[in-house]
Every structure is written in C-alpha cells, then in structure tokens.
Amino acid sequence: MLVEFRRQWPILALLGAIAGFFSGVVLAAQVPKGTGGIMTPAPDAEAAVQSEYDGATRKGTREAYERFIRRHPDHPLAQKAREVLAAGTLK
C-alpha cells in the first residue's frame, strides 16, 4: 500500500504545531527581550562551597568538618577545616 504524504503534510504540520503549543515549548522569538533567555544563570560554585563551610562551622562537630574535607579536598577552605580539626577543640 502506497501512502501519499503530500495530502497528509498539512494535517501533520498542524498536529505538530498544536502539540508544540500545548507542551510548553518556547521558541527563541518568544523570549522577552533583556531577560537573557529562558535559562536561569548557573549558581556560584564558590558561594556554594563557602555556604557549606559555614554550615560545618555552625555545626561545629568533627564529623561536619570531615565531611566538608571529603567533599572538597583541594579547596583552600579544606585546609582551614584541617587546621580546626588539628586544634582538637571540637565536640
């Protein structure tokens, strides 16, 4: 059985357009000017590490500092965490 697509093409195009409309697809032409696009900027990795270190200092336990060092062994704050552990003044 031979199928002729020329007759069906407008219907398929219409169905594709409807599906795209209802699926939430945003075209580049629909992005508001001056917004930088539809993606949010990446989080600041340094701020995230600092926040994690601050959490370890708030908790103030050996386990919290050791966890921070395991997660960020090469970060400069890991050296500070090692110094805190070496001081031996934790819970």
N, C-alpha and C. Protein backbone atom coordinates (compact mmCIF):
# COMPACT_ATOMS: atom_id res chain seq x y z
N MET A 1 0.84 -1.18 0.00
CA MET A 1 0.00 0.00 0.00
C MET A 1 0.88 1.23 0.00
N LEU A 2 0.67 2.10 -0.91
CA LEU A 2 1.46 3.31 -1.07
C LEU A 2 0.74 4.47 -0.39
N VAL A 3 1.48 5.18 0.47
CA VAL A 3 0.88 6.30 1.18
C VAL A 3 1.41 7.58 0.55
N GLU A 4 0.54 8.48 0.27
CA GLU A 4 0.95 9.74 -0.33
C GLU A 4 0.97 10.80 0.77
N PHE A 5 2.17 11.32 1.07
CA PHE A 5 2.36 12.26 2.17
C PHE A 5 1.98 13.69 1.81
N ARG A 6 1.92 14.01 0.54
CA ARG A 6 1.61 15.39 0.17
C ARG A 6 0.25 15.81 0.68
N ARG A 7 -0.70 14.94 0.67
CA ARG A 7 -2.04 15.27 1.14
C ARG A 7 -2.08 15.34 2.67
N GLN A 8 -1.26 14.55 3.33
CA GLN A 8 -1.29 14.47 4.78
C GLN A 8 -0.37 15.51 5.43
N TRP A 9 0.55 16.08 4.68
CA TRP A 9 1.52 17.00 5.26
C TRP A 9 0.89 18.18 5.99
N PRO A 10 -0.11 18.86 5.44
CA PRO A 10 -0.71 19.98 6.19
C PRO A 10 -1.33 19.53 7.51
N ILE A 11 -1.92 18.38 7.52
CA ILE A 11 -2.52 17.86 8.75
C ILE A 11 -1.43 17.54 9.77
N LEU A 12 -0.35 16.90 9.33
CA LEU A 12 0.75 16.58 10.24
C LEU A 12 1.40 17.84 10.78
N ALA A 13 1.56 18.83 9.94
CA ALA A 13 2.15 20.10 10.38
C ALA A 13 1.25 20.77 11.41
N LEU A 14 -0.04 20.74 11.19
CA LEU A 14 -0.98 21.33 12.13
C LEU A 14 -0.94 20.59 13.46
N LEU A 15 -0.93 19.27 13.43
CA LEU A 15 -0.86 18.49 14.66
C LEU A 15 0.44 18.77 15.42
N GLY A 16 1.53 18.90 14.70
CA GLY A 16 2.81 19.21 15.34
C GLY A 16 2.79 20.58 15.99
N ALA A 17 2.20 21.55 15.33
CA ALA A 17 2.10 22.90 15.89
C ALA A 17 1.23 22.91 17.14
N ILE A 18 0.14 22.18 17.10
CA ILE A 18 -0.74 22.12 18.27
C ILE A 18 -0.03 21.43 19.43
N ALA A 19 0.65 20.35 19.14
CA ALA A 19 1.38 19.64 20.20
C ALA A 19 2.46 20.52 20.80
N GLY A 20 3.17 21.27 19.97
CA GLY A 20 4.20 22.18 20.47
C GLY A 20 3.62 23.28 21.32
N PHE A 21 2.47 23.79 20.95
CA PHE A 21 1.82 24.86 21.70
C PHE A 21 1.42 24.38 23.09
N PHE A 22 0.84 23.20 23.16
CA PHE A 22 0.36 22.71 24.45
C PHE A 22 1.45 22.04 25.29
N SER A 23 2.60 21.77 24.73
CA SER A 23 3.66 21.14 25.52
C SER A 23 4.54 22.17 26.22
N GLY A 24 4.34 23.44 25.99
CA GLY A 24 5.10 24.47 26.68
C GLY A 24 6.41 24.80 26.00
N VAL A 25 6.59 24.42 24.76
CA VAL A 25 7.81 24.73 24.04
C VAL A 25 7.86 26.23 23.78
N VAL A 26 9.00 26.83 24.12
CA VAL A 26 9.17 28.26 23.90
C VAL A 26 10.17 28.45 22.77
N LEU A 27 9.79 29.17 21.77
CA LEU A 27 10.68 29.45 20.67
C LEU A 27 11.53 30.66 21.00
N ALA A 28 12.67 30.78 20.34
CA ALA A 28 13.58 31.90 20.60
C ALA A 28 12.90 33.24 20.37
N ALA A 29 11.98 33.29 19.43
CA ALA A 29 11.28 34.54 19.14
C ALA A 29 10.33 34.94 20.27
N GLN A 30 9.97 33.99 21.15
CA GLN A 30 9.04 34.27 22.22
C GLN A 30 9.72 34.73 23.51
N VAL A 31 11.05 34.69 23.56
CA VAL A 31 11.78 35.08 24.76
C VAL A 31 11.73 36.59 24.92
N PRO A 32 11.32 37.08 26.08
CA PRO A 32 11.26 38.53 26.28
C PRO A 32 12.64 39.16 26.17
N LYS A 33 12.71 40.31 25.52
CA LYS A 33 13.98 41.00 25.33
C LYS A 33 14.54 41.44 26.67
N GLY A 34 15.87 41.33 26.80
CA GLY A 34 16.55 41.78 28.01
C GLY A 34 16.51 40.80 29.16
N THR A 35 15.95 39.60 28.94
CA THR A 35 15.88 38.64 30.03
C THR A 35 17.04 37.67 30.01
N GLY A 36 17.81 37.65 28.94
CA GLY A 36 18.94 36.71 28.87
C GLY A 36 18.52 35.31 28.50
N GLY A 37 17.32 35.12 28.06
CA GLY A 37 16.87 33.80 27.66
C GLY A 37 15.97 33.19 28.71
N ILE A 38 15.69 31.93 28.54
CA ILE A 38 14.76 31.26 29.44
C ILE A 38 15.47 30.46 30.52
N MET A 39 16.78 30.34 30.43
CA MET A 39 17.52 29.57 31.44
C MET A 39 18.00 30.49 32.55
N THR A 40 17.95 30.00 33.76
CA THR A 40 18.49 30.77 34.87
C THR A 40 20.01 30.63 34.87
N PRO A 41 20.72 31.64 35.36
CA PRO A 41 22.17 31.54 35.39
C PRO A 41 22.63 30.44 36.35
N ALA A 42 23.79 29.90 36.08
CA ALA A 42 24.34 28.86 36.93
C ALA A 42 24.65 29.42 38.32
N PRO A 43 24.47 28.61 39.35
CA PRO A 43 24.79 29.10 40.69
C PRO A 43 26.29 29.32 40.84
N ASP A 44 26.65 30.18 41.76
CA ASP A 44 28.04 30.49 42.03
C ASP A 44 28.65 29.34 42.83
N ALA A 45 29.55 28.58 42.23
CA ALA A 45 30.14 27.41 42.88
C ALA A 45 30.93 27.80 44.13
N GLU A 46 31.65 28.90 44.06
CA GLU A 46 32.44 29.34 45.21
C GLU A 46 31.54 29.69 46.39
N ALA A 47 30.43 30.35 46.11
CA ALA A 47 29.48 30.70 47.16
C ALA A 47 28.86 29.44 47.78
N ALA A 48 28.63 28.42 46.96
CA ALA A 48 28.06 27.17 47.47
C ALA A 48 29.05 26.48 48.41
N VAL A 49 30.34 26.46 48.05
CA VAL A 49 31.35 25.84 48.91
C VAL A 49 31.47 26.64 50.20
N GLN A 50 31.47 27.96 50.10
CA GLN A 50 31.55 28.81 51.30
C GLN A 50 30.36 28.55 52.22
N SER A 51 29.19 28.43 51.64
CA SER A 51 27.99 28.16 52.42
C SER A 51 28.09 26.81 53.13
N GLU A 52 28.64 25.83 52.45
CA GLU A 52 28.81 24.51 53.06
C GLU A 52 29.82 24.57 54.21
N TYR A 53 30.89 25.34 54.02
CA TYR A 53 31.88 25.50 55.09
C TYR A 53 31.25 26.22 56.29
N ASP A 54 30.45 27.24 56.01
CA ASP A 54 29.77 27.96 57.08
C ASP A 54 28.85 27.03 57.87
N GLY A 55 28.22 26.11 57.16
CA GLY A 55 27.37 25.12 57.84
C GLY A 55 28.17 24.22 58.76
N ALA A 56 29.36 23.83 58.30
CA ALA A 56 30.22 22.99 59.13
C ALA A 56 30.67 23.75 60.38
N THR A 57 30.99 25.03 60.22
CA THR A 57 31.42 25.81 61.39
C THR A 57 30.24 26.04 62.34
N ARG A 58 29.04 26.23 61.82
CA ARG A 58 27.87 26.39 62.70
C ARG A 58 27.61 25.12 63.48
N LYS A 59 27.73 23.98 62.78
CA LYS A 59 27.50 22.70 63.47
C LYS A 59 28.62 22.45 64.48
N GLY A 60 29.84 22.75 64.08
CA GLY A 60 30.97 22.68 65.00
C GLY A 60 31.37 21.30 65.45
N THR A 61 31.08 20.29 64.65
CA THR A 61 31.46 18.92 65.04
C THR A 61 32.57 18.41 64.14
N ARG A 62 33.30 17.44 64.66
CA ARG A 62 34.36 16.80 63.89
C ARG A 62 33.79 16.19 62.62
N GLU A 63 32.65 15.56 62.74
CA GLU A 63 32.02 14.92 61.59
C GLU A 63 31.69 15.92 60.48
N ALA A 64 31.21 17.10 60.85
CA ALA A 64 30.86 18.12 59.85
C ALA A 64 32.10 18.59 59.09
N TYR A 65 33.19 18.82 59.82
CA TYR A 65 34.43 19.25 59.16
C TYR A 65 35.02 18.13 58.30
N GLU A 66 34.97 16.90 58.79
CA GLU A 66 35.49 15.78 57.99
C GLU A 66 34.68 15.60 56.71
N ARG A 67 33.37 15.76 56.80
CA ARG A 67 32.51 15.66 55.61
C ARG A 67 32.88 16.75 54.60
N PHE A 68 33.10 17.98 55.11
CA PHE A 68 33.48 19.07 54.21
C PHE A 68 34.80 18.74 53.50
N ILE A 69 35.76 18.24 54.24
CA ILE A 69 37.07 17.90 53.65
C ILE A 69 36.92 16.79 52.61
N ARG A 70 36.09 15.79 52.89
CA ARG A 70 35.87 14.72 51.91
C ARG A 70 35.24 15.26 50.63
N ARG A 71 34.32 16.20 50.76
CA ARG A 71 33.63 16.73 49.59
C ARG A 71 34.47 17.71 48.79
N HIS A 72 35.37 18.44 49.46
CA HIS A 72 36.17 19.48 48.80
C HIS A 72 37.63 19.38 49.24
N PRO A 73 38.32 18.29 48.95
CA PRO A 73 39.67 18.08 49.48
C PRO A 73 40.71 19.09 48.98
N ASP A 74 40.52 19.64 47.80
CA ASP A 74 41.53 20.55 47.23
C ASP A 74 41.18 22.02 47.40
N HIS A 75 40.08 22.32 48.02
CA HIS A 75 39.66 23.71 48.19
C HIS A 75 40.45 24.34 49.34
N PRO A 76 40.78 25.64 49.24
CA PRO A 76 41.51 26.31 50.33
C PRO A 76 40.79 26.25 51.67
N LEU A 77 39.47 26.22 51.66
CA LEU A 77 38.75 26.11 52.93
C LEU A 77 38.92 24.73 53.57
N ALA A 78 39.27 23.74 52.77
CA ALA A 78 39.55 22.41 53.33
C ALA A 78 40.77 22.48 54.24
N GLN A 79 41.75 23.30 53.86
CA GLN A 79 42.93 23.46 54.71
C GLN A 79 42.53 24.12 56.04
N LYS A 80 41.65 25.09 55.99
CA LYS A 80 41.16 25.70 57.23
C LYS A 80 40.44 24.67 58.09
N ALA A 81 39.66 23.82 57.44
CA ALA A 81 38.95 22.77 58.18
C ALA A 81 39.94 21.80 58.81
N ARG A 82 41.01 21.47 58.10
CA ARG A 82 42.05 20.59 58.66
C ARG A 82 42.71 21.23 59.87
N GLU A 83 42.92 22.53 59.81
CA GLU A 83 43.53 23.24 60.93
C GLU A 83 42.61 23.24 62.15
N VAL A 84 41.31 23.37 61.91
CA VAL A 84 40.35 23.31 63.01
C VAL A 84 40.37 21.93 63.64
N LEU A 85 40.44 20.89 62.79
CA LEU A 85 40.50 19.53 63.31
C LEU A 85 41.78 19.29 64.09
N ALA A 86 42.88 19.82 63.59
CA ALA A 86 44.17 19.63 64.25
C ALA A 86 44.22 20.33 65.60
N ALA A 87 43.47 21.42 65.76
CA ALA A 87 43.45 22.15 67.04
C ALA A 87 42.81 21.31 68.14
N GLY A 88 41.92 20.39 67.75
CA GLY A 88 41.31 19.48 68.72
C GLY A 88 40.33 20.12 69.68
N THR A 89 39.67 21.16 69.27
CA THR A 89 38.73 21.86 70.18
C THR A 89 37.27 21.62 69.80
N LEU A 90 37.01 20.57 69.06
CA LEU A 90 35.63 20.29 68.61
C LEU A 90 34.92 19.35 69.54
N LYS A 91 33.61 19.30 69.36
CA LYS A 91 32.76 18.38 70.14
C LYS A 91 33.01 16.96 69.75
